[in-house]
Protein backbone atom coordinates (compact mmCIF):
# COMPACT_ATOMS: atom_id res chain seq x y z
CA UNK A 1 6.21 147.29 113.06
CA UNK A 2 9.52 145.88 113.80
CA UNK A 3 12.51 148.13 114.12
CA UNK A 4 15.32 147.40 111.67
CA UNK A 5 18.66 147.36 113.47
CA UNK A 6 21.76 147.50 111.33
CA UNK A 7 25.07 145.99 112.39
CA UNK A 8 27.94 148.38 112.94
CA UNK A 9 30.70 148.46 110.25
CA UNK A 10 33.03 146.67 112.71
CA UNK A 11 30.46 143.90 113.27
CA UNK A 12 29.91 143.50 109.51
CA UNK A 13 33.66 143.30 108.99
CA UNK A 14 34.02 140.67 111.70
CA UNK A 15 31.19 138.56 110.31
CA UNK A 16 32.70 138.70 106.81
CA UNK A 17 36.06 137.23 107.91
CA UNK A 18 36.12 133.51 107.09
CA UNK A 19 36.96 131.07 109.86
CA UNK A 20 40.31 129.30 109.89
CA UNK A 21 38.61 126.06 108.87
CA UNK A 22 37.03 127.80 105.86
CA UNK A 23 40.45 129.13 104.85
CA UNK A 24 41.94 125.68 105.09
CA UNK A 25 39.10 124.09 103.17
CA UNK A 26 39.77 126.51 100.32
CA UNK A 27 43.52 125.90 100.51
CA UNK A 28 43.30 122.09 100.35
CA UNK A 29 41.60 119.98 97.73
CA UNK A 30 41.32 117.24 100.34
CA UNK A 31 38.82 118.26 103.10
CA UNK A 32 40.38 115.69 105.45
CA UNK A 33 43.61 117.67 105.40
CA UNK A 34 41.71 120.85 106.29
CA UNK A 35 40.02 119.18 109.28
CA UNK A 36 43.26 117.62 110.53
CA UNK A 37 45.11 120.90 110.05
CA UNK A 38 42.47 122.90 111.92
CA UNK A 39 42.28 120.39 114.77
CA UNK A 40 46.06 120.22 115.15
CA UNK A 41 46.41 124.00 115.21
CA UNK A 42 43.75 124.15 117.97
CA UNK A 43 45.71 121.56 120.00
CA UNK A 44 48.92 123.55 119.60
CA UNK A 45 47.07 126.73 120.64
CA UNK A 46 45.90 124.96 123.82
CA UNK A 47 49.50 123.96 124.50
CA UNK A 48 50.57 127.55 124.00
CA UNK A 49 47.83 128.84 126.32
CA UNK A 50 49.16 126.65 129.13
CA UNK A 51 52.65 127.92 128.38
CA UNK A 52 51.84 131.66 128.15
CA UNK A 53 49.16 131.89 130.89
CA UNK A 54 51.46 132.13 133.92
CA UNK A 55 53.95 134.36 132.04
CA UNK A 56 51.75 137.18 130.68
CA UNK A 57 52.74 140.59 132.05
CA UNK A 58 55.88 139.30 133.72
CA UNK A 59 59.41 140.31 132.89
CA UNK A 60 61.13 137.38 131.14
CA UNK A 61 64.53 136.88 129.56
CA UNK A 62 64.14 136.81 125.79
CA UNK A 63 65.05 133.43 124.35
CA UNK A 64 67.17 134.79 121.50
CA UNK A 65 69.48 137.16 123.36
CA UNK A 66 68.66 137.00 127.08
CA UNK A 67 67.42 140.63 127.22
CA UNK A 68 64.64 141.13 129.84
CA UNK A 69 61.28 141.94 128.19
CA UNK A 70 57.65 142.12 129.29
CA UNK A 71 55.95 138.91 128.16
CA UNK A 72 52.82 138.86 126.02
CA UNK A 73 51.38 137.09 122.98
CA UNK A 74 53.12 138.05 119.76
CA UNK A 75 51.10 136.69 116.84
CA UNK A 76 52.04 133.49 115.00
CA UNK A 77 54.82 132.08 112.89
CA UNK A 78 54.19 129.96 109.82
CA UNK A 79 55.80 126.53 109.61
CA UNK A 80 56.13 125.69 105.92
CA UNK A 81 55.16 122.02 106.33
CA UNK A 82 54.11 119.68 109.12
CA UNK A 83 53.82 115.95 108.49
CA UNK A 84 51.04 113.96 110.16
CA UNK A 85 51.47 110.37 109.04
CA UNK A 86 51.26 110.73 105.25
CA UNK A 87 49.49 114.12 105.28
CA UNK A 88 51.60 117.17 104.47
CA UNK A 89 50.04 120.22 106.17
CA UNK A 90 51.20 123.51 104.64
CA UNK A 91 51.68 126.90 106.29
CA UNK A 92 50.96 125.68 109.78
CA UNK A 93 50.38 128.48 112.32
CA UNK A 94 52.26 128.26 115.61
CA UNK A 95 51.57 130.87 118.32
CA UNK A 96 54.52 132.80 119.66
CA UNK A 97 55.30 135.14 122.52
CA UNK A 98 57.55 138.16 122.84
CA UNK A 99 60.12 136.35 125.00
CA UNK A 100 59.88 133.15 122.98
CA UNK A 101 60.72 129.69 124.25
CA UNK A 102 57.51 127.88 123.30
CA UNK A 103 58.11 124.36 121.97
CA UNK A 104 55.15 122.20 121.02
CA UNK A 105 55.40 118.54 122.00
CA UNK A 106 52.79 117.78 119.36
CA UNK A 107 54.92 119.31 116.60
CA UNK A 108 58.05 117.57 117.86
CA UNK A 109 56.22 114.27 117.47
CA UNK A 110 55.23 115.28 113.95
CA UNK A 111 58.86 116.10 113.12
CA UNK A 112 59.89 112.62 114.15
CA UNK A 113 57.26 111.19 111.85
CA UNK A 114 58.40 113.50 109.04
CA UNK A 115 61.89 112.12 109.53
CA UNK A 116 60.61 108.76 108.34
CA UNK A 117 59.71 110.27 104.96
CA UNK A 118 63.01 112.14 104.79
CA UNK A 119 64.83 108.86 105.35
CA UNK A 120 62.66 107.27 102.68
CA UNK A 121 63.61 110.05 100.26
CA UNK A 122 67.28 109.61 101.15
CA UNK A 123 67.19 105.85 100.59
CA UNK A 124 65.42 106.33 97.25
CA UNK A 125 68.11 108.84 96.25
CA UNK A 126 70.98 106.60 97.35
CA UNK A 127 69.40 103.67 95.51
CA UNK A 128 69.61 105.47 92.20
CA UNK A 129 66.26 107.23 91.88
CA UNK A 130 66.77 110.76 90.58
CA UNK A 131 65.79 113.73 92.73
CA UNK A 132 62.93 114.63 90.40
CA UNK A 133 61.56 111.08 90.50
CA UNK A 134 61.80 110.98 94.30
CA UNK A 135 59.85 114.23 94.53
CA UNK A 136 57.20 113.12 92.03
CA UNK A 137 56.76 109.74 93.72
CA UNK A 138 56.21 111.30 97.13
CA UNK A 139 53.96 114.04 95.78
CA UNK A 140 51.66 111.40 94.28
CA UNK A 141 51.16 110.15 97.82
CA UNK A 142 50.41 113.68 99.00
CA UNK A 143 53.83 114.06 100.61
CA UNK A 144 56.16 116.94 99.90
CA UNK A 145 59.73 116.59 101.07
CA UNK A 146 61.39 119.97 101.14
CA UNK A 147 64.87 118.44 101.39
CA UNK A 148 65.46 117.47 97.80
CA UNK A 149 66.79 120.66 96.28
CA UNK A 150 70.34 120.68 95.00
CA UNK A 151 71.58 122.31 98.21
CA UNK A 152 69.66 119.84 100.36
CA UNK A 153 71.04 116.87 98.42
CA UNK A 154 74.46 118.36 99.13
CA UNK A 155 73.61 118.26 102.84
CA UNK A 156 72.45 114.65 102.50
CA UNK A 157 75.75 113.82 100.84
CA UNK A 158 77.65 115.47 103.68
CA UNK A 159 75.67 113.37 106.17
CA UNK A 160 76.64 110.26 104.22
CA UNK A 161 80.21 111.54 104.25
CA UNK A 162 80.07 111.57 108.06
CA UNK A 163 78.78 108.00 107.93
CA UNK A 164 81.70 107.13 105.64
CA UNK A 165 84.26 108.63 108.02
CA UNK A 166 82.92 106.55 110.91
CA UNK A 167 82.71 103.42 108.70
CA UNK A 168 86.20 103.82 107.27
CA UNK A 169 87.66 104.05 110.77
CA UNK A 170 85.86 101.02 112.20
CA UNK A 171 87.88 98.15 113.63
CA UNK A 172 88.42 95.05 111.50
CA UNK A 173 88.14 91.99 113.73
CA UNK A 174 87.79 89.13 111.23
CA UNK A 175 90.71 87.34 109.64
CA UNK A 176 90.58 87.55 105.86
CA UNK A 177 92.55 85.13 103.69
CA UNK A 178 91.70 86.77 100.36
CA UNK A 179 91.68 90.40 99.27
CA UNK A 180 90.49 91.92 96.02
CA UNK A 181 91.23 95.45 94.83
CA UNK A 182 90.03 97.41 91.83
CA UNK A 183 89.21 100.96 90.84
CA UNK A 184 86.18 102.72 89.41
CA UNK A 185 85.74 106.12 87.85
CA UNK A 186 82.48 107.96 88.56
CA UNK A 187 81.16 110.61 86.21
CA UNK A 188 80.18 113.51 88.44
CA UNK A 189 78.16 115.58 85.96
CA UNK A 190 75.94 114.44 83.12
CA UNK A 191 77.19 117.18 80.77
CA UNK A 192 80.83 117.04 81.80
CA UNK A 193 83.62 114.55 81.03
CA UNK A 194 84.98 114.97 84.56
CA UNK A 195 85.35 111.71 86.48
CA UNK A 196 86.49 110.84 89.99
CA UNK A 197 88.47 107.71 90.69
CA UNK A 198 87.99 105.47 93.70
CA UNK A 199 89.78 102.38 94.97
CA UNK A 200 87.70 99.54 96.45
CA UNK A 201 89.03 96.72 98.66
CA UNK A 202 87.04 93.54 99.40
CA UNK A 203 87.98 90.86 101.91
CA UNK A 204 86.90 87.19 101.94
CA UNK A 205 87.28 85.03 105.03
CA UNK A 206 87.98 81.29 105.06
CA UNK A 207 84.34 80.51 105.86
CA UNK A 208 83.16 82.49 102.82
CA UNK A 209 82.18 85.66 104.65
CA UNK A 210 82.88 88.67 102.43
CA UNK A 211 82.85 92.38 103.01
CA UNK A 212 83.82 95.65 101.38
CA UNK A 213 86.60 96.66 103.76
CA UNK A 214 87.44 100.08 102.40
CA UNK A 215 87.04 102.53 99.57
CA UNK A 216 88.61 105.90 99.02
CA UNK A 217 88.77 108.55 96.33
CA UNK A 218 92.01 108.76 94.42
CA UNK A 219 94.04 107.13 91.67
CA UNK A 220 95.39 103.60 91.46
CA UNK A 221 98.86 104.88 92.28
CA UNK A 222 101.37 102.97 94.41
CA UNK A 223 101.29 105.69 97.05
CA UNK A 224 97.49 105.67 97.30
CA UNK A 225 97.44 101.88 97.58
CA UNK A 226 100.17 102.00 100.25
CA UNK A 227 98.01 104.38 102.28
CA UNK A 228 94.96 102.11 101.96
CA UNK A 229 96.91 99.01 103.05
CA UNK A 230 98.39 100.96 105.97
CA UNK A 231 94.90 102.13 107.00
CA UNK A 232 93.53 98.57 106.92
CA UNK A 233 96.47 97.30 108.98
CA UNK A 234 96.07 100.05 111.60
CA UNK A 235 92.38 99.19 111.92
CA UNK A 236 93.11 95.55 112.66
CA UNK A 237 93.53 93.71 109.35
CA UNK A 238 96.16 91.01 109.89
CA UNK A 239 98.23 91.09 106.71
CA UNK A 240 99.94 87.84 107.72
CA UNK A 241 96.67 85.91 107.33
CA UNK A 242 96.17 87.21 103.77
CA UNK A 243 97.12 84.38 101.42
CA UNK A 244 96.15 85.96 98.10
CA UNK A 245 95.26 89.38 96.72
CA UNK A 246 93.57 89.64 93.33
CA UNK A 247 94.37 92.74 91.27
CA UNK A 248 93.90 94.11 87.79
CA UNK A 249 96.93 95.15 85.75
CA UNK A 250 97.46 98.65 87.17
CA UNK A 251 101.11 99.17 88.04
CA UNK A 252 100.56 101.08 91.30
CA UNK A 253 98.58 98.43 93.20
CA UNK A 254 100.84 95.66 91.86
CA UNK A 255 103.99 97.36 93.17
CA UNK A 256 102.36 98.21 96.50
CA UNK A 257 100.98 94.69 96.99
CA UNK A 258 104.38 93.17 96.21
CA UNK A 259 105.98 95.40 98.86
CA UNK A 260 103.32 95.05 101.58
CA UNK A 261 102.19 91.44 101.07
CA UNK A 262 104.79 89.78 98.87
CA UNK A 263 104.84 89.15 95.14
CA UNK A 264 104.07 85.47 95.71
CA UNK A 265 100.61 86.45 97.04
CA UNK A 266 99.51 88.35 93.93
CA UNK A 267 96.85 86.89 91.65
CA UNK A 268 96.28 88.76 88.41
CA UNK A 269 92.62 89.05 87.42
CA UNK A 270 92.17 86.65 84.51
CA UNK A 271 89.28 88.70 83.08
CA UNK A 272 91.33 91.90 82.92
CA UNK A 273 94.22 89.94 81.42
CA UNK A 274 91.92 88.36 78.81
CA UNK A 275 90.74 91.83 77.75
CA UNK A 276 94.33 93.06 77.45
CA UNK A 277 95.33 90.04 75.36
CA UNK A 278 92.35 90.38 73.01
CA UNK A 279 93.33 93.98 72.22
CA UNK A 280 96.38 92.49 70.44
CA UNK A 281 94.34 89.92 68.54
CA UNK A 282 92.91 90.57 65.02
CA UNK A 283 89.14 90.92 65.02
CA UNK A 284 88.71 87.75 62.96
CA UNK A 285 90.44 85.68 65.65
CA UNK A 286 89.07 87.29 68.80
CA UNK A 287 86.12 84.98 69.48
CA UNK A 288 88.30 81.92 68.91
CA UNK A 289 91.13 83.14 71.18
CA UNK A 290 88.71 84.31 73.86
CA UNK A 291 87.08 80.87 74.00
CA UNK A 292 90.47 79.17 74.34
CA UNK A 293 91.63 81.54 77.07
CA UNK A 294 88.44 80.78 79.00
CA UNK A 295 89.23 77.08 78.65
CA UNK A 296 92.72 77.79 79.99
CA UNK A 297 91.36 79.42 83.17
CA UNK A 298 88.84 76.61 83.64
CA UNK A 299 91.23 73.64 83.57
CA UNK A 300 90.80 71.09 86.36
CA UNK A 301 94.28 71.61 87.85
CA UNK A 302 97.47 73.59 87.41
CA UNK A 303 99.10 70.61 85.70
CA UNK A 304 96.30 70.47 83.14
CA UNK A 305 96.45 74.26 82.72
CA UNK A 306 100.18 74.18 82.00
CA UNK A 307 99.64 71.37 79.50
CA UNK A 308 96.88 73.33 77.73
CA UNK A 309 99.03 76.49 77.81
CA UNK A 310 101.78 74.74 75.81
CA UNK A 311 99.23 73.79 73.16
CA UNK A 312 97.91 77.36 73.06
CA UNK A 313 101.39 78.88 72.67
CA UNK A 314 102.35 76.39 69.94
CA UNK A 315 99.20 77.29 67.99
CA UNK A 316 99.37 81.07 68.28
CA UNK A 317 102.91 82.28 68.97
CA UNK A 318 103.56 82.84 65.26
CA UNK A 319 100.10 84.18 64.43
CA UNK A 320 99.63 86.61 67.34
CA UNK A 321 103.06 86.96 68.99
CA UNK A 322 102.26 90.19 70.87
CA UNK A 323 99.19 88.61 72.49
CA UNK A 324 101.10 85.48 73.49
CA UNK A 325 103.89 87.59 74.97
CA UNK A 326 101.41 89.50 77.15
CA UNK A 327 99.99 86.20 78.39
CA UNK A 328 103.34 84.60 79.20
CA UNK A 329 104.88 87.55 81.01
CA UNK A 330 102.37 87.19 83.89
CA UNK A 331 101.63 83.46 83.75
CA UNK A 332 102.81 82.70 87.30
CA UNK A 333 100.50 85.28 88.85
CA UNK A 334 97.67 84.19 86.54
CA UNK A 335 97.91 80.53 87.63
CA UNK A 336 98.35 81.19 91.38
CA UNK A 337 94.66 80.53 92.15
CA UNK A 338 95.20 76.84 91.28
CA UNK A 339 97.09 76.46 94.59
CA UNK A 340 93.90 77.03 96.59
CA UNK A 341 90.69 74.99 97.11
CA UNK A 342 88.92 74.43 93.79
CA UNK A 343 85.63 75.69 95.25
CA UNK A 344 87.28 79.11 95.60
CA UNK A 345 88.74 79.39 92.09
CA UNK A 346 85.88 81.17 90.35
CA UNK A 347 85.94 83.87 93.02
CA UNK A 348 89.64 84.46 93.61
CA UNK A 349 90.91 84.41 90.01
CA UNK A 350 89.08 87.62 89.11
CA UNK A 351 87.72 90.81 90.67
CA UNK A 352 84.09 90.16 89.74
CA UNK A 353 82.91 90.87 93.30
CA UNK A 354 84.18 94.41 92.97
CA UNK A 355 82.80 94.66 89.43
CA UNK A 356 79.32 94.12 90.92
CA UNK A 357 79.80 97.07 93.26
CA UNK A 358 81.15 99.14 90.38
CA UNK A 359 78.22 98.28 88.09
CA UNK A 360 75.72 99.17 90.80
CA UNK A 361 77.52 102.45 91.47
CA UNK A 362 77.47 103.38 87.80
CA UNK A 363 73.81 102.42 87.47
CA UNK A 364 72.88 104.74 90.32
CA UNK A 365 75.12 107.66 89.46
CA UNK A 366 73.90 107.59 85.85
CA UNK A 367 70.58 109.17 86.88
CA UNK A 368 71.99 111.58 89.44
CA UNK A 369 71.22 115.13 88.34
CA UNK A 370 72.91 116.71 91.37
CA UNK A 371 76.05 114.62 91.73
CA UNK A 372 78.71 117.26 91.19
CA UNK A 373 81.31 116.99 93.91
CA UNK A 374 83.40 114.67 96.06
CA UNK A 375 80.78 114.54 98.82
CA UNK A 376 78.21 113.25 96.35
CA UNK A 377 80.57 110.52 95.11
CA UNK A 378 81.39 109.38 98.64
CA UNK A 379 77.71 109.49 99.56
CA UNK A 380 76.50 107.31 96.68
CA UNK A 381 79.34 104.83 97.16
CA UNK A 382 78.64 104.68 100.88
CA UNK A 383 75.02 103.82 100.14
CA UNK A 384 76.00 101.12 97.64
CA UNK A 385 78.65 99.62 99.94
CA UNK A 386 76.35 99.60 102.97
CA UNK A 387 73.64 97.77 101.03
CA UNK A 388 76.13 95.32 99.49
CA UNK A 389 77.65 94.43 102.85
CA UNK A 390 74.20 93.90 104.38
CA UNK A 391 73.32 91.56 101.51
CA UNK A 392 76.57 89.62 101.79
CA UNK A 393 76.20 88.98 105.52
CA UNK A 394 73.15 86.82 104.86
CA UNK A 395 75.12 83.88 103.47
CA UNK A 396 78.59 82.48 102.96
CA UNK A 397 80.08 82.79 99.50
CA UNK A 398 80.85 79.06 99.36
CA UNK A 399 78.60 77.65 102.06
CA UNK A 400 77.93 73.90 101.90
CA UNK A 401 80.81 73.48 99.48
CA UNK A 402 83.65 71.18 100.55
CA UNK A 403 86.79 73.16 101.28
């Protein structure tokens, strides 16, 4: 007969407690995650053992407030998420002591890796992917980025704002012969009519190098434009080398440019002017007049343009007098581009370079469900401008074209 020995209640309780690996296996659908999680926690525990061993029982200054305390193990703290390559490990247990001060080198390395995914999320956001889409895309890969709530996007925007402050104070060392300026209004909330205005300045060098030199929130007022020109000059832009500045029809920038650069250096954007003229043209004539205005801007020389202009005026001054008057009142500043190399005409007679930046900004902000303040506007524009400048540095605007 064999004696039947029963386990004590304490032993039964201990045997019924699942191991940490079993807990993790139940928590994760992917068993690989459970194994990696369990292994990593064991490694961190070994690190902690080396840290706490020589300290146990000794009086130590507490990390948080410097108060002397007797050191001993003090349970664990849960880290919401630890990234290991593309694996997101949830509720990671890190041992702690009463005095504190334990920092795991393993986890620090994981944080640096997690930063890669945070940067990826940021770039996706800046490039016009909505917060929800960023989250869903990363979750499909098994990655959860906790930094995409509305408050976290606000922090991202503030980080981009810091980048903007450094960028907008950088030195300008190149000599630019052409400037272009235009404004854009950004809708800051999907369900609100509120918009924020910004002024963008682009420079083009003689060799065709181009760059967004500056942008700032504000109206297209003379005072705001004066401040922008003053900022560019203080940062190194040589206004004496600027031969032409292309502007739309806003009164503020026109007055400021005339004061700071000289009226003889102003080129009115022919596309903006065409739009303004067509507003005074009957619908039945618009296509016809638009085609003839395009022919006017595309003449082979100023002499030919002036000859064609006389024909245009003779044909339409009685039929659409208001439109002809709008054209003639700015004709000198509309024809100024003809005084420069013909290979430059298509670029310097309009503000299309800025229009590209504006279109890209609007495309990206259209899907932004958290863009609701000035920081967000600066952040998105900073992302667009940074990318545009990187793209433009790869080639000259008129490379291999005879000057």
